[in-house]
Each structure stands twice: as C-alpha cells, then as structure tokens.
Amino acid sequence: MSEEKKLGELFNDTGQDLDEETLFVVSQTFKALSDPTRIRILNLLCTGEHPVNEIAETLNLSQSSVSHQLRFLKNLRLVKYRRAGTTLYYSEDDVHVMNLLKQAIEHAAHH
C-alpha cells in the first residue's frame, strides 16, 4: 500500500468537511502543544507520574504557573491526576497526543 493511500485512510478522505466538534478538539489539542511550558510539562510526564511541586522544581517554574498549565491540560483531558493526602500527582491521559508530541520532538531533532 502506498504512503499516500495510508495517509488518505488516516484522514478524512471522503471529501467532506470535518464537523465542528472535531475541528474544535483538534484546534485545542494543537493549541495545547503550541505553548513551550505545556510542551515541557507533557514531556516530563512522558517519564511517569509527578507531583506538582516536583514538576515546578524540575522545570524551574513557579507552582502557580505549573498549576495553571496543568488545569488547562486537564480540561482537555491530556493529563489526569490522583490525590494522595494533600498532594496531587499528575500523569499523561492521552496516548495519542503524547505520541504526537514525541513525533514532533523527533522531527525537531532532525533539523
């Protein structure tokens, strides 16, 4: 099967426009991946679960900034959390988006 045919099967090859909900979700996903701080957070979460304070310390960011970005990512269901006492532990929640991020990082490494 040709590479072009494979891509056509992945995308909307019926010639019809995408519905509004799909357009919105795709645009919000790319919006999430367009911010350097969110990319850094997601990249760290690729390594496993981390508490907010550790994310902030590792990335040299304020806890407030990290919490704000995590809230944005959680609303898009790109990350999830679990509570242990008063500590929130965050992890990835969308393997598709994490794969997209990994591919983008690999692509950037080749340039």
N, C-alpha and C. Protein backbone atom coordinates (compact mmCIF):
# COMPACT_ATOMS: atom_id res chain seq x y z
N MET A 1 0.85 -1.18 0.00
CA MET A 1 0.00 0.00 0.00
C MET A 1 0.89 1.24 0.00
N SER A 2 0.58 2.20 -0.83
CA SER A 2 1.39 3.40 -0.94
C SER A 2 1.24 4.28 0.31
N GLU A 3 2.28 5.08 0.54
CA GLU A 3 2.26 6.00 1.69
C GLU A 3 1.10 6.99 1.56
N GLU A 4 0.83 7.43 0.34
CA GLU A 4 -0.28 8.37 0.11
C GLU A 4 -1.62 7.73 0.47
N LYS A 5 -1.80 6.47 0.12
CA LYS A 5 -3.04 5.77 0.44
C LYS A 5 -3.19 5.60 1.95
N LYS A 6 -2.09 5.27 2.64
CA LYS A 6 -2.13 5.13 4.10
C LYS A 6 -2.56 6.44 4.75
N LEU A 7 -1.99 7.56 4.29
CA LEU A 7 -2.36 8.86 4.83
C LEU A 7 -3.82 9.16 4.55
N GLY A 8 -4.29 8.82 3.35
CA GLY A 8 -5.68 9.05 2.99
C GLY A 8 -6.63 8.31 3.90
N GLU A 9 -6.25 7.12 4.34
CA GLU A 9 -7.09 6.35 5.24
C GLU A 9 -7.12 6.96 6.63
N LEU A 10 -6.01 7.59 7.03
CA LEU A 10 -5.96 8.21 8.35
C LEU A 10 -6.79 9.49 8.40
N PHE A 11 -6.81 10.20 7.31
CA PHE A 11 -7.51 11.47 7.27
C PHE A 11 -8.88 11.29 6.64
N ASN A 12 -9.61 12.35 6.64
CA ASN A 12 -10.97 12.36 6.10
C ASN A 12 -10.89 12.34 4.57
N ASP A 13 -10.85 11.15 3.98
CA ASP A 13 -10.68 11.05 2.53
C ASP A 13 -12.00 10.96 1.78
N THR A 14 -13.10 11.28 2.45
CA THR A 14 -14.40 11.26 1.79
C THR A 14 -14.67 12.56 1.04
N GLY A 15 -13.82 13.56 1.25
CA GLY A 15 -14.03 14.85 0.61
C GLY A 15 -14.98 15.74 1.37
N GLN A 16 -15.55 15.22 2.47
CA GLN A 16 -16.47 16.03 3.28
C GLN A 16 -15.69 16.81 4.33
N ASP A 17 -16.22 17.96 4.68
CA ASP A 17 -15.59 18.78 5.69
C ASP A 17 -15.71 18.12 7.05
N LEU A 18 -14.83 18.50 7.97
CA LEU A 18 -14.88 17.98 9.33
C LEU A 18 -16.01 18.65 10.10
N ASP A 19 -16.60 17.91 11.03
CA ASP A 19 -17.67 18.51 11.83
C ASP A 19 -17.07 19.49 12.84
N GLU A 20 -17.90 20.36 13.38
CA GLU A 20 -17.45 21.44 14.26
C GLU A 20 -16.77 20.91 15.52
N GLU A 21 -17.29 19.85 16.10
CA GLU A 21 -16.70 19.30 17.33
C GLU A 21 -15.29 18.79 17.06
N THR A 22 -15.11 18.07 15.96
CA THR A 22 -13.78 17.56 15.60
C THR A 22 -12.82 18.71 15.37
N LEU A 23 -13.25 19.72 14.63
CA LEU A 23 -12.40 20.89 14.39
C LEU A 23 -11.98 21.55 15.69
N PHE A 24 -12.92 21.68 16.62
CA PHE A 24 -12.63 22.33 17.90
C PHE A 24 -11.62 21.51 18.70
N VAL A 25 -11.84 20.20 18.80
CA VAL A 25 -10.93 19.36 19.58
C VAL A 25 -9.53 19.36 18.98
N VAL A 26 -9.43 19.24 17.67
CA VAL A 26 -8.12 19.26 17.01
C VAL A 26 -7.43 20.59 17.24
N SER A 27 -8.15 21.69 17.09
CA SER A 27 -7.53 23.01 17.27
C SER A 27 -7.09 23.22 18.71
N GLN A 28 -7.87 22.74 19.68
CA GLN A 28 -7.49 22.87 21.09
C GLN A 28 -6.27 22.00 21.41
N THR A 29 -6.19 20.85 20.80
CA THR A 29 -5.03 19.98 21.00
C THR A 29 -3.76 20.66 20.50
N PHE A 30 -3.84 21.24 19.30
CA PHE A 30 -2.68 21.94 18.77
C PHE A 30 -2.38 23.21 19.57
N LYS A 31 -3.40 23.84 20.11
CA LYS A 31 -3.18 24.99 20.98
C LYS A 31 -2.41 24.56 22.22
N ALA A 32 -2.78 23.42 22.79
CA ALA A 32 -2.07 22.91 23.96
C ALA A 32 -0.61 22.64 23.65
N LEU A 33 -0.36 22.14 22.45
CA LEU A 33 1.01 21.80 22.06
C LEU A 33 1.78 23.00 21.49
N SER A 34 1.15 24.15 21.44
CA SER A 34 1.83 25.32 20.89
C SER A 34 2.54 26.14 21.96
N ASP A 35 2.37 25.78 23.21
CA ASP A 35 2.97 26.54 24.31
C ASP A 35 4.20 25.82 24.85
N PRO A 36 5.36 26.49 24.87
CA PRO A 36 6.60 25.84 25.33
C PRO A 36 6.50 25.28 26.76
N THR A 37 5.83 25.97 27.65
CA THR A 37 5.71 25.47 29.03
C THR A 37 4.89 24.18 29.06
N ARG A 38 3.80 24.15 28.33
CA ARG A 38 2.99 22.93 28.30
C ARG A 38 3.74 21.78 27.65
N ILE A 39 4.52 22.07 26.62
CA ILE A 39 5.34 21.03 25.99
C ILE A 39 6.33 20.46 27.00
N ARG A 40 6.97 21.33 27.76
CA ARG A 40 7.93 20.87 28.78
C ARG A 40 7.24 20.00 29.83
N ILE A 41 6.06 20.41 30.26
CA ILE A 41 5.32 19.63 31.26
C ILE A 41 4.93 18.28 30.69
N LEU A 42 4.37 18.25 29.50
CA LEU A 42 3.96 16.98 28.90
C LEU A 42 5.16 16.07 28.66
N ASN A 43 6.27 16.66 28.24
CA ASN A 43 7.48 15.87 28.01
C ASN A 43 7.94 15.23 29.33
N LEU A 44 7.88 15.97 30.42
CA LEU A 44 8.24 15.41 31.72
C LEU A 44 7.27 14.30 32.11
N LEU A 45 6.00 14.50 31.86
CA LEU A 45 5.00 13.49 32.23
C LEU A 45 5.12 12.22 31.39
N CYS A 46 5.82 12.30 30.26
CA CYS A 46 6.10 11.08 29.48
C CYS A 46 6.94 10.10 30.28
N THR A 47 7.67 10.61 31.28
CA THR A 47 8.55 9.75 32.08
C THR A 47 7.80 9.11 33.24
N GLY A 48 6.56 9.52 33.47
CA GLY A 48 5.77 8.93 34.55
C GLY A 48 5.04 10.00 35.34
N GLU A 49 4.48 9.56 36.44
CA GLU A 49 3.67 10.41 37.32
C GLU A 49 4.57 11.32 38.17
N HIS A 50 4.14 12.59 38.32
CA HIS A 50 4.91 13.56 39.10
C HIS A 50 3.98 14.46 39.89
N PRO A 51 4.35 14.81 41.14
CA PRO A 51 3.58 15.79 41.89
C PRO A 51 3.86 17.20 41.37
N VAL A 52 2.93 18.11 41.61
CA VAL A 52 3.05 19.48 41.11
C VAL A 52 4.36 20.13 41.55
N ASN A 53 4.71 19.99 42.83
CA ASN A 53 5.92 20.65 43.31
C ASN A 53 7.17 20.12 42.62
N GLU A 54 7.19 18.84 42.29
CA GLU A 54 8.34 18.26 41.59
C GLU A 54 8.41 18.77 40.15
N ILE A 55 7.26 18.88 39.51
CA ILE A 55 7.22 19.42 38.15
C ILE A 55 7.79 20.84 38.16
N ALA A 56 7.31 21.64 39.10
CA ALA A 56 7.77 23.03 39.20
C ALA A 56 9.27 23.09 39.44
N GLU A 57 9.77 22.28 40.35
CA GLU A 57 11.20 22.29 40.69
C GLU A 57 12.05 21.80 39.52
N THR A 58 11.63 20.70 38.90
CA THR A 58 12.39 20.13 37.79
C THR A 58 12.48 21.10 36.61
N LEU A 59 11.39 21.78 36.33
CA LEU A 59 11.34 22.68 35.17
C LEU A 59 11.67 24.12 35.51
N ASN A 60 12.00 24.36 36.79
CA ASN A 60 12.34 25.71 37.26
C ASN A 60 11.22 26.71 36.95
N LEU A 61 10.01 26.32 37.35
CA LEU A 61 8.82 27.15 37.17
C LEU A 61 8.14 27.34 38.51
N SER A 62 7.30 28.37 38.62
CA SER A 62 6.53 28.55 39.85
C SER A 62 5.42 27.51 39.93
N GLN A 63 5.05 27.14 41.15
CA GLN A 63 3.96 26.19 41.32
C GLN A 63 2.66 26.75 40.74
N SER A 64 2.49 28.05 40.87
CA SER A 64 1.29 28.70 40.33
C SER A 64 1.21 28.52 38.81
N SER A 65 2.33 28.74 38.13
CA SER A 65 2.37 28.59 36.68
C SER A 65 2.11 27.15 36.27
N VAL A 66 2.73 26.21 36.98
CA VAL A 66 2.54 24.80 36.68
C VAL A 66 1.08 24.40 36.90
N SER A 67 0.51 24.84 38.01
CA SER A 67 -0.88 24.51 38.31
C SER A 67 -1.82 25.05 37.23
N HIS A 68 -1.55 26.28 36.79
CA HIS A 68 -2.37 26.88 35.73
C HIS A 68 -2.30 26.05 34.45
N GLN A 69 -1.10 25.67 34.04
CA GLN A 69 -0.93 24.90 32.81
C GLN A 69 -1.53 23.50 32.95
N LEU A 70 -1.37 22.88 34.12
CA LEU A 70 -1.95 21.56 34.35
C LEU A 70 -3.48 21.61 34.30
N ARG A 71 -4.06 22.67 34.80
CA ARG A 71 -5.52 22.83 34.75
C ARG A 71 -5.97 22.89 33.29
N PHE A 72 -5.25 23.66 32.48
CA PHE A 72 -5.56 23.76 31.05
C PHE A 72 -5.48 22.37 30.39
N LEU A 73 -4.39 21.64 30.67
CA LEU A 73 -4.19 20.32 30.08
C LEU A 73 -5.22 19.31 30.59
N LYS A 74 -5.60 19.43 31.85
CA LYS A 74 -6.60 18.53 32.43
C LYS A 74 -7.97 18.76 31.79
N ASN A 75 -8.31 20.02 31.55
CA ASN A 75 -9.59 20.34 30.92
C ASN A 75 -9.69 19.75 29.50
N LEU A 76 -8.55 19.59 28.86
CA LEU A 76 -8.52 18.97 27.53
C LEU A 76 -8.37 17.45 27.62
N ARG A 77 -8.29 16.94 28.83
CA ARG A 77 -8.11 15.51 29.10
C ARG A 77 -6.80 14.97 28.53
N LEU A 78 -5.77 15.82 28.57
CA LEU A 78 -4.45 15.39 28.13
C LEU A 78 -3.63 14.88 29.31
N VAL A 79 -4.00 15.33 30.52
CA VAL A 79 -3.38 14.83 31.74
C VAL A 79 -4.48 14.47 32.73
N LYS A 80 -4.12 13.63 33.68
CA LYS A 80 -5.03 13.26 34.76
C LYS A 80 -4.26 13.35 36.07
N TYR A 81 -4.98 13.30 37.17
CA TYR A 81 -4.29 13.35 38.45
C TYR A 81 -4.94 12.38 39.43
N ARG A 82 -4.16 12.07 40.46
CA ARG A 82 -4.68 11.34 41.60
C ARG A 82 -4.23 12.08 42.84
N ARG A 83 -5.03 12.01 43.86
CA ARG A 83 -4.74 12.71 45.10
C ARG A 83 -4.24 11.69 46.13
N ALA A 84 -3.15 12.05 46.81
CA ALA A 84 -2.63 11.26 47.93
C ALA A 84 -2.44 12.24 49.07
N GLY A 85 -3.39 12.27 49.98
CA GLY A 85 -3.36 13.27 51.04
C GLY A 85 -3.63 14.63 50.44
N THR A 86 -2.70 15.55 50.62
CA THR A 86 -2.84 16.89 50.06
C THR A 86 -2.06 17.07 48.76
N THR A 87 -1.39 16.01 48.32
CA THR A 87 -0.55 16.09 47.13
C THR A 87 -1.29 15.56 45.90
N LEU A 88 -1.20 16.31 44.80
CA LEU A 88 -1.75 15.88 43.52
C LEU A 88 -0.62 15.35 42.65
N TYR A 89 -0.80 14.15 42.13
CA TYR A 89 0.17 13.52 41.24
C TYR A 89 -0.42 13.50 39.84
N TYR A 90 0.29 14.08 38.89
CA TYR A 90 -0.18 14.17 37.51
C TYR A 90 0.52 13.16 36.62
N SER A 91 -0.22 12.70 35.61
CA SER A 91 0.33 11.78 34.61
C SER A 91 -0.38 12.04 33.28
N GLU A 92 0.16 11.47 32.23
CA GLU A 92 -0.44 11.63 30.91
C GLU A 92 -1.79 10.92 30.86
N ASP A 93 -2.69 11.41 30.01
CA ASP A 93 -4.02 10.81 29.92
C ASP A 93 -4.47 10.60 28.47
N ASP A 94 -3.59 10.87 27.51
CA ASP A 94 -3.98 10.69 26.11
C ASP A 94 -2.75 10.22 25.33
N VAL A 95 -2.67 8.92 25.13
CA VAL A 95 -1.51 8.34 24.47
C VAL A 95 -1.36 8.87 23.04
N HIS A 96 -2.46 9.19 22.37
CA HIS A 96 -2.38 9.70 21.01
C HIS A 96 -1.65 11.05 20.96
N VAL A 97 -2.00 11.93 21.86
CA VAL A 97 -1.36 13.25 21.89
C VAL A 97 0.09 13.12 22.34
N MET A 98 0.35 12.23 23.28
CA MET A 98 1.73 12.03 23.72
C MET A 98 2.58 11.48 22.57
N ASN A 99 2.01 10.61 21.76
CA ASN A 99 2.74 10.11 20.58
C ASN A 99 2.97 11.23 19.58
N LEU A 100 1.99 12.10 19.40
CA LEU A 100 2.14 13.26 18.53
C LEU A 100 3.28 14.14 19.02
N LEU A 101 3.32 14.39 20.33
CA LEU A 101 4.39 15.20 20.92
C LEU A 101 5.75 14.53 20.70
N LYS A 102 5.84 13.24 20.95
CA LYS A 102 7.11 12.52 20.75
C LYS A 102 7.56 12.60 19.30
N GLN A 103 6.61 12.45 18.36
CA GLN A 103 6.96 12.55 16.95
C GLN A 103 7.43 13.96 16.60
N ALA A 104 6.79 14.98 17.16
CA ALA A 104 7.21 16.36 16.89
C ALA A 104 8.63 16.61 17.43
N ILE A 105 8.91 16.06 18.61
CA ILE A 105 10.25 16.21 19.19
C ILE A 105 11.29 15.50 18.32
N GLU A 106 10.96 14.28 17.88
CA GLU A 106 11.87 13.55 16.98
C GLU A 106 12.06 14.31 15.67
N HIS A 107 11.00 14.88 15.15
CA HIS A 107 11.09 15.66 13.91
C HIS A 107 12.02 16.86 14.12
N ALA A 108 11.85 17.56 15.23
CA ALA A 108 12.69 18.73 15.52
C ALA A 108 14.16 18.34 15.68
N ALA A 109 14.41 17.15 16.20
CA ALA A 109 15.79 16.70 16.40
C ALA A 109 16.51 16.46 15.08
N HIS A 110 15.77 16.27 14.00
CA HIS A 110 16.36 16.02 12.69
C HIS A 110 16.64 17.31 11.92
N HIS A 111 16.32 18.44 12.50
CA HIS A 111 16.54 19.71 11.78
C HIS A 111 17.66 20.49 12.38
